[in-house]
Amino acid sequence: MTDTKRKGIYLLPNLLTTGGLFSGFYAIVSAMNGHFEAAAVAIFVAMLFDGLDGRVARMTNTQSEFGAEYDSMADMVSFGIAPALVAYTWGLTELGKLGWLAAFVYVAGAALRLARFNTQIGIADKRYFQGLASPAAAALVAGLVWVGVEYEAVGADYGVIVAFITAAAGLLMVSNFKYNSFKEVNWQGKVPFVALLLVMLVFVIVATQPSLVLFIAFLLYAVAGPINTFRSVDKVKLEHVVGDADEQVDAEFGSEDKAKTDKE
């Protein structure tokens, strides 16, 4: 008598994914009710859940195709639709068509970014993200709204700036700019004692002005992609910025990384 494989889903990682999905939905509801600070914070909470579910699944060996698809759907809500609606309701409504077009560019960019990421699982260079990751783009938009609310700015007065950053975040997601994924960091290895002190210092700095510090951090990360791209190639071509990435593009980045390693 052969044992039949038990059907079902893994509870823990999917529970964390559900927490991220709930946070994204809560952000939408809060924005609709005019609670923009709570909406922005909820998006950052969704980022924490998104960072945990995949790692927990790998640590507990509970990866599944269902979990991967569910996570992608949840990311679309939390990092695609929610940030766009939060930005639109806070600062884009007075711009008319320009406002909702900027929000749509972000939503479309997030959808395309997630679809491209899903098709590249297992073949992409794990050291880099191709295009700005959707959680980082969501943090950039949510951080902008959070800073505006924190400093009592009226979103409609800065509608053009909000539209520019929202649309730019959407376009960066579908770009070919290389962003460090930090996946090569050995979290299980030993570090000097001073590293723990630096981590504590980072927490203190974030705690002083969380909205401003997080917005600046993700803004710098967003612009780091284009800067690294322009520095890593001798001649910038269209395929380095947008379009279908080919092996030659990856080879140029790889050769540059190898050259830097040799110099070090």
Protein backbone atom coordinates (compact mmCIF):
# COMPACT_ATOMS: atom_id res chain seq x y z
CA MET A 1 0.00 0.00 0.00
CA THR A 2 1.57 3.26 -1.11
CA ASP A 3 1.30 6.43 0.92
CA THR A 4 -0.60 9.19 -0.81
CA LYS A 5 0.85 12.65 -0.61
CA ARG A 6 -1.09 14.81 1.79
CA LYS A 7 -2.79 17.74 0.12
CA GLY A 8 -2.86 21.23 1.60
CA ILE A 9 -0.77 24.35 2.00
CA TYR A 10 1.99 25.27 4.40
CA LEU A 11 0.60 27.44 7.19
CA LEU A 12 3.47 29.60 8.45
CA PRO A 13 4.85 31.19 5.25
CA ASN A 14 1.37 31.70 3.80
CA LEU A 15 0.23 33.20 7.08
CA LEU A 16 3.02 35.77 6.79
CA THR A 17 2.04 36.43 3.18
CA THR A 18 -1.53 36.99 4.35
CA GLY A 19 -0.22 39.49 6.89
CA GLY A 20 1.45 41.42 4.09
CA LEU A 21 -1.72 41.28 2.01
CA PHE A 22 -3.76 42.56 4.94
CA SER A 23 -1.29 45.42 5.47
CA GLY A 24 -1.62 46.45 1.83
CA PHE A 25 -5.40 46.32 1.99
CA TYR A 26 -5.34 48.29 5.23
CA ALA A 27 -3.20 50.93 3.52
CA ILE A 28 -5.83 51.31 0.79
CA VAL A 29 -8.70 51.62 3.28
CA SER A 30 -6.75 54.10 5.43
CA ALA A 31 -5.95 56.28 2.43
CA MET A 32 -9.60 56.29 1.37
CA ASN A 33 -10.49 57.53 4.86
CA GLY A 34 -7.81 60.22 4.82
CA HIS A 35 -5.46 58.50 7.29
CA PHE A 36 -2.37 58.82 5.13
CA GLU A 37 0.24 58.30 7.83
CA ALA A 38 -1.33 54.99 8.84
CA ALA A 39 -1.52 54.04 5.16
CA ALA A 40 2.17 54.73 4.59
CA VAL A 41 3.20 52.85 7.72
CA ALA A 42 1.07 49.88 6.67
CA ILE A 43 3.02 49.61 3.42
CA PHE A 44 6.28 49.45 5.37
CA VAL A 45 4.73 46.76 7.59
CA ALA A 46 3.85 44.83 4.43
CA MET A 47 7.52 45.02 3.48
CA LEU A 48 8.46 43.32 6.75
CA PHE A 49 6.00 40.49 6.10
CA ASP A 50 7.27 40.17 2.53
CA GLY A 51 10.84 39.89 3.74
CA LEU A 52 9.92 37.22 6.26
CA ASP A 53 7.67 34.86 4.32
CA GLY A 54 10.25 33.78 1.76
CA ARG A 55 13.02 33.40 4.31
CA VAL A 56 10.80 31.42 6.68
CA ALA A 57 9.75 29.16 3.80
CA ARG A 58 13.39 28.45 2.93
CA MET A 59 14.43 27.94 6.56
CA THR A 60 11.58 25.52 7.25
CA ASN A 61 11.74 23.88 3.79
CA THR A 62 8.11 24.79 3.11
CA GLN A 63 8.47 26.33 -0.35
CA SER A 64 5.67 25.61 -2.78
CA GLU A 65 4.35 26.79 -6.13
CA PHE A 66 1.17 27.91 -4.40
CA GLY A 67 3.18 30.02 -1.95
CA ALA A 68 5.13 31.65 -4.75
CA GLU A 69 1.98 32.55 -6.68
CA TYR A 70 0.18 33.74 -3.56
CA ASP A 71 3.15 35.91 -2.62
CA SER A 72 3.17 37.48 -6.09
CA MET A 73 -0.55 38.29 -5.86
CA ALA A 74 -0.11 39.78 -2.40
CA ASP A 75 2.84 41.87 -3.62
CA MET A 76 0.71 43.28 -6.41
CA VAL A 77 -1.79 44.56 -3.86
CA SER A 78 0.70 45.74 -1.23
CA PHE A 79 3.41 47.16 -3.50
CA GLY A 80 1.50 47.84 -6.70
CA ILE A 81 -2.02 49.05 -6.09
CA ALA A 82 -1.74 50.32 -2.50
CA PRO A 83 1.15 52.80 -3.00
CA ALA A 84 -0.43 54.18 -6.17
CA LEU A 85 -3.78 54.76 -4.46
CA VAL A 86 -2.14 56.27 -1.38
CA ALA A 87 -0.15 58.69 -3.54
CA TYR A 88 -3.19 59.50 -5.68
CA THR A 89 -5.55 60.24 -2.81
CA TRP A 90 -2.90 62.30 -0.99
CA GLY A 91 -1.42 64.46 -3.70
CA LEU A 92 -2.59 63.62 -7.22
CA THR A 93 -6.33 64.20 -7.27
CA GLU A 94 -5.99 67.89 -8.12
CA LEU A 95 -3.90 67.11 -11.21
CA GLY A 96 -6.80 65.47 -13.03
CA LYS A 97 -5.71 63.11 -15.82
CA LEU A 98 -2.04 63.71 -15.11
CA GLY A 99 -2.56 62.50 -11.56
CA TRP A 100 -4.26 59.22 -12.33
CA LEU A 101 -1.95 58.58 -15.28
CA ALA A 102 1.07 58.91 -12.98
CA ALA A 103 -0.58 56.47 -10.57
CA PHE A 104 -1.36 54.06 -13.42
CA VAL A 105 2.24 54.17 -14.66
CA TYR A 106 3.27 53.00 -11.21
CA VAL A 107 0.66 50.20 -11.11
CA ALA A 108 1.58 49.00 -14.60
CA GLY A 109 5.29 49.13 -13.74
CA ALA A 110 4.71 47.03 -10.61
CA ALA A 111 2.68 44.44 -12.54
CA LEU A 112 5.32 44.15 -15.27
CA ARG A 113 8.12 44.04 -12.69
CA LEU A 114 6.50 41.16 -10.79
CA ALA A 115 5.74 39.26 -14.00
CA ARG A 116 9.33 39.63 -15.21
CA PHE A 117 10.69 38.58 -11.83
CA ASN A 118 8.55 35.42 -11.84
CA THR A 119 9.81 34.42 -15.29
CA GLN A 120 13.46 34.89 -14.29
CA ILE A 121 13.44 32.80 -11.13
CA GLY A 122 16.39 30.43 -11.26
CA ILE A 123 18.17 32.10 -14.17
CA ALA A 124 18.77 35.68 -13.00
CA ASP A 125 21.93 36.82 -11.24
CA LYS A 126 21.02 36.69 -7.56
CA ARG A 127 23.46 39.47 -6.73
CA TYR A 128 21.32 42.03 -8.54
CA PHE A 129 17.73 42.95 -9.24
CA GLN A 130 16.90 43.88 -12.81
CA GLY A 131 14.99 47.07 -12.23
CA LEU A 132 13.91 48.55 -8.91
CA ALA A 133 12.24 45.90 -6.76
CA SER A 134 8.54 46.56 -6.10
CA PRO A 135 8.91 46.73 -2.28
CA ALA A 136 11.63 49.38 -2.64
CA ALA A 137 9.50 51.35 -5.12
CA ALA A 138 6.55 51.14 -2.73
CA ALA A 139 8.75 52.33 0.13
CA LEU A 140 9.84 55.32 -1.95
CA VAL A 141 6.27 56.39 -2.69
CA ALA A 142 4.97 55.61 0.80
CA GLY A 143 7.96 57.36 2.35
CA LEU A 144 7.20 60.50 0.36
CA VAL A 145 3.61 60.54 1.62
CA TRP A 146 4.74 59.81 5.18
CA VAL A 147 7.23 62.68 5.12
CA GLY A 148 4.60 65.02 3.72
CA VAL A 149 2.12 64.14 6.46
CA GLU A 150 4.82 64.32 9.15
CA TYR A 151 5.73 67.87 8.13
CA GLU A 152 2.07 68.87 7.63
CA ALA A 153 2.44 69.44 3.89
CA VAL A 154 -0.65 69.60 1.73
CA GLY A 155 -0.29 66.94 -0.93
CA ALA A 156 -2.14 68.94 -3.59
CA ASP A 157 0.42 71.76 -3.27
CA TYR A 158 3.18 69.34 -4.29
CA GLY A 159 1.19 67.36 -6.84
CA VAL A 160 3.76 67.69 -9.61
CA ILE A 161 6.52 66.36 -7.35
CA VAL A 162 4.33 63.48 -6.19
CA ALA A 163 3.41 62.65 -9.78
CA PHE A 164 7.07 62.71 -10.86
CA ILE A 165 8.30 60.44 -8.06
CA THR A 166 5.35 58.05 -8.43
CA ALA A 167 5.78 57.72 -12.20
CA ALA A 168 9.58 57.54 -11.91
CA ALA A 169 9.29 54.69 -9.40
CA GLY A 170 7.05 52.83 -11.85
CA LEU A 171 9.47 53.33 -14.73
CA LEU A 172 12.47 52.29 -12.64
CA MET A 173 10.75 48.99 -11.89
CA VAL A 174 10.63 48.08 -15.59
CA SER A 175 14.11 49.40 -16.35
CA ASN A 176 17.24 47.31 -16.81
CA PHE A 177 19.17 49.19 -14.15
CA LYS A 178 21.05 46.87 -11.82
CA TYR A 179 20.23 47.12 -8.12
CA ASN A 180 22.16 45.29 -5.43
CA SER A 181 19.96 42.58 -3.91
CA PHE A 182 22.18 42.12 -0.81
CA LYS A 183 21.51 38.39 -1.12
CA GLU A 184 25.23 37.66 -1.11
CA VAL A 185 25.49 38.86 2.48
CA ASN A 186 26.30 35.96 4.82
CA TRP A 187 23.82 36.48 7.65
CA GLN A 188 25.05 33.36 9.43
CA GLY A 189 28.71 34.34 9.46
CA LYS A 190 30.60 36.05 12.26
CA VAL A 191 31.16 39.81 12.26
CA PRO A 192 33.28 42.14 14.41
CA PHE A 193 31.68 43.42 17.61
CA VAL A 194 31.67 46.94 16.20
CA ALA A 195 29.18 45.78 13.55
CA LEU A 196 26.58 45.26 16.27
CA LEU A 197 27.19 48.79 17.49
CA LEU A 198 26.70 50.12 13.97
CA VAL A 199 23.39 48.23 13.69
CA MET A 200 22.27 49.77 16.98
CA LEU A 201 23.26 53.20 15.66
CA VAL A 202 21.17 52.65 12.55
CA PHE A 203 18.14 51.79 14.69
CA VAL A 204 18.66 54.94 16.74
CA ILE A 205 18.90 57.12 13.62
CA VAL A 206 15.77 55.58 12.12
CA ALA A 207 13.88 55.99 15.40
CA THR A 208 14.64 59.73 15.56
CA GLN A 209 12.89 60.59 12.28
CA PRO A 210 11.62 57.33 10.75
CA SER A 211 9.69 58.92 7.89
CA LEU A 212 12.52 61.17 6.71
CA VAL A 213 15.30 58.63 7.22
CA LEU A 214 13.45 55.84 5.41
CA PHE A 215 12.45 58.11 2.53
CA ILE A 216 16.02 59.34 2.05
CA ALA A 217 17.39 55.79 2.30
CA PHE A 218 15.08 54.42 -0.38
CA LEU A 219 15.52 57.52 -2.54
CA LEU A 220 19.28 56.97 -2.52
CA TYR A 221 18.74 53.29 -3.30
CA ALA A 222 16.48 54.21 -6.23
CA VAL A 223 19.05 56.53 -7.80
CA ALA A 224 21.87 54.06 -7.12
CA GLY A 225 20.67 51.83 -9.96
CA PRO A 226 21.16 54.35 -12.78
CA ILE A 227 24.43 55.55 -11.25
CA ASN A 228 25.83 52.01 -11.00
CA THR A 229 24.73 51.29 -14.56
CA PHE A 230 26.38 54.36 -16.02
CA ARG A 231 29.56 53.61 -14.07
CA SER A 232 29.66 49.93 -15.00
CA VAL A 233 29.58 50.23 -18.79
CA ASP A 234 31.88 52.08 -21.15
CA LYS A 235 29.07 53.15 -23.44
CA VAL A 236 25.46 53.37 -22.31
CA LYS A 237 23.08 51.71 -24.78
CA LEU A 238 19.30 51.52 -24.89
CA GLU A 239 19.30 47.94 -23.64
CA HIS A 240 21.12 49.08 -20.49
CA VAL A 241 18.14 51.27 -19.63
CA VAL A 242 15.02 49.55 -20.96
CA GLY A 243 13.97 46.74 -23.26
CA ASP A 244 14.85 43.07 -23.40
CA ALA A 245 18.08 42.39 -21.58
CA ASP A 246 20.42 40.13 -23.48
CA GLU A 247 23.45 38.11 -22.52
CA GLN A 248 25.78 40.84 -23.71
CA VAL A 249 24.40 43.31 -21.19
CA ASP A 250 24.87 40.83 -18.36
CA ALA A 251 28.33 40.02 -19.64
CA GLU A 252 29.35 43.68 -19.54
CA PHE A 253 28.15 44.00 -15.97
CA GLY A 254 29.82 40.73 -15.06
CA SER A 255 33.13 41.71 -16.62
CA GLU A 256 33.07 44.98 -14.75
CA ASP A 257 32.37 43.21 -11.46
CA LYS A 258 35.22 40.78 -12.16
CA ALA A 259 37.57 43.66 -12.93
CA LYS A 260 36.68 45.34 -9.62
CA THR A 261 37.22 42.05 -7.79
CA ASP A 262 40.63 41.60 -9.39
CA LYS A 263 41.62 45.12 -8.37
CA GLU A 264 40.56 44.47 -4.79
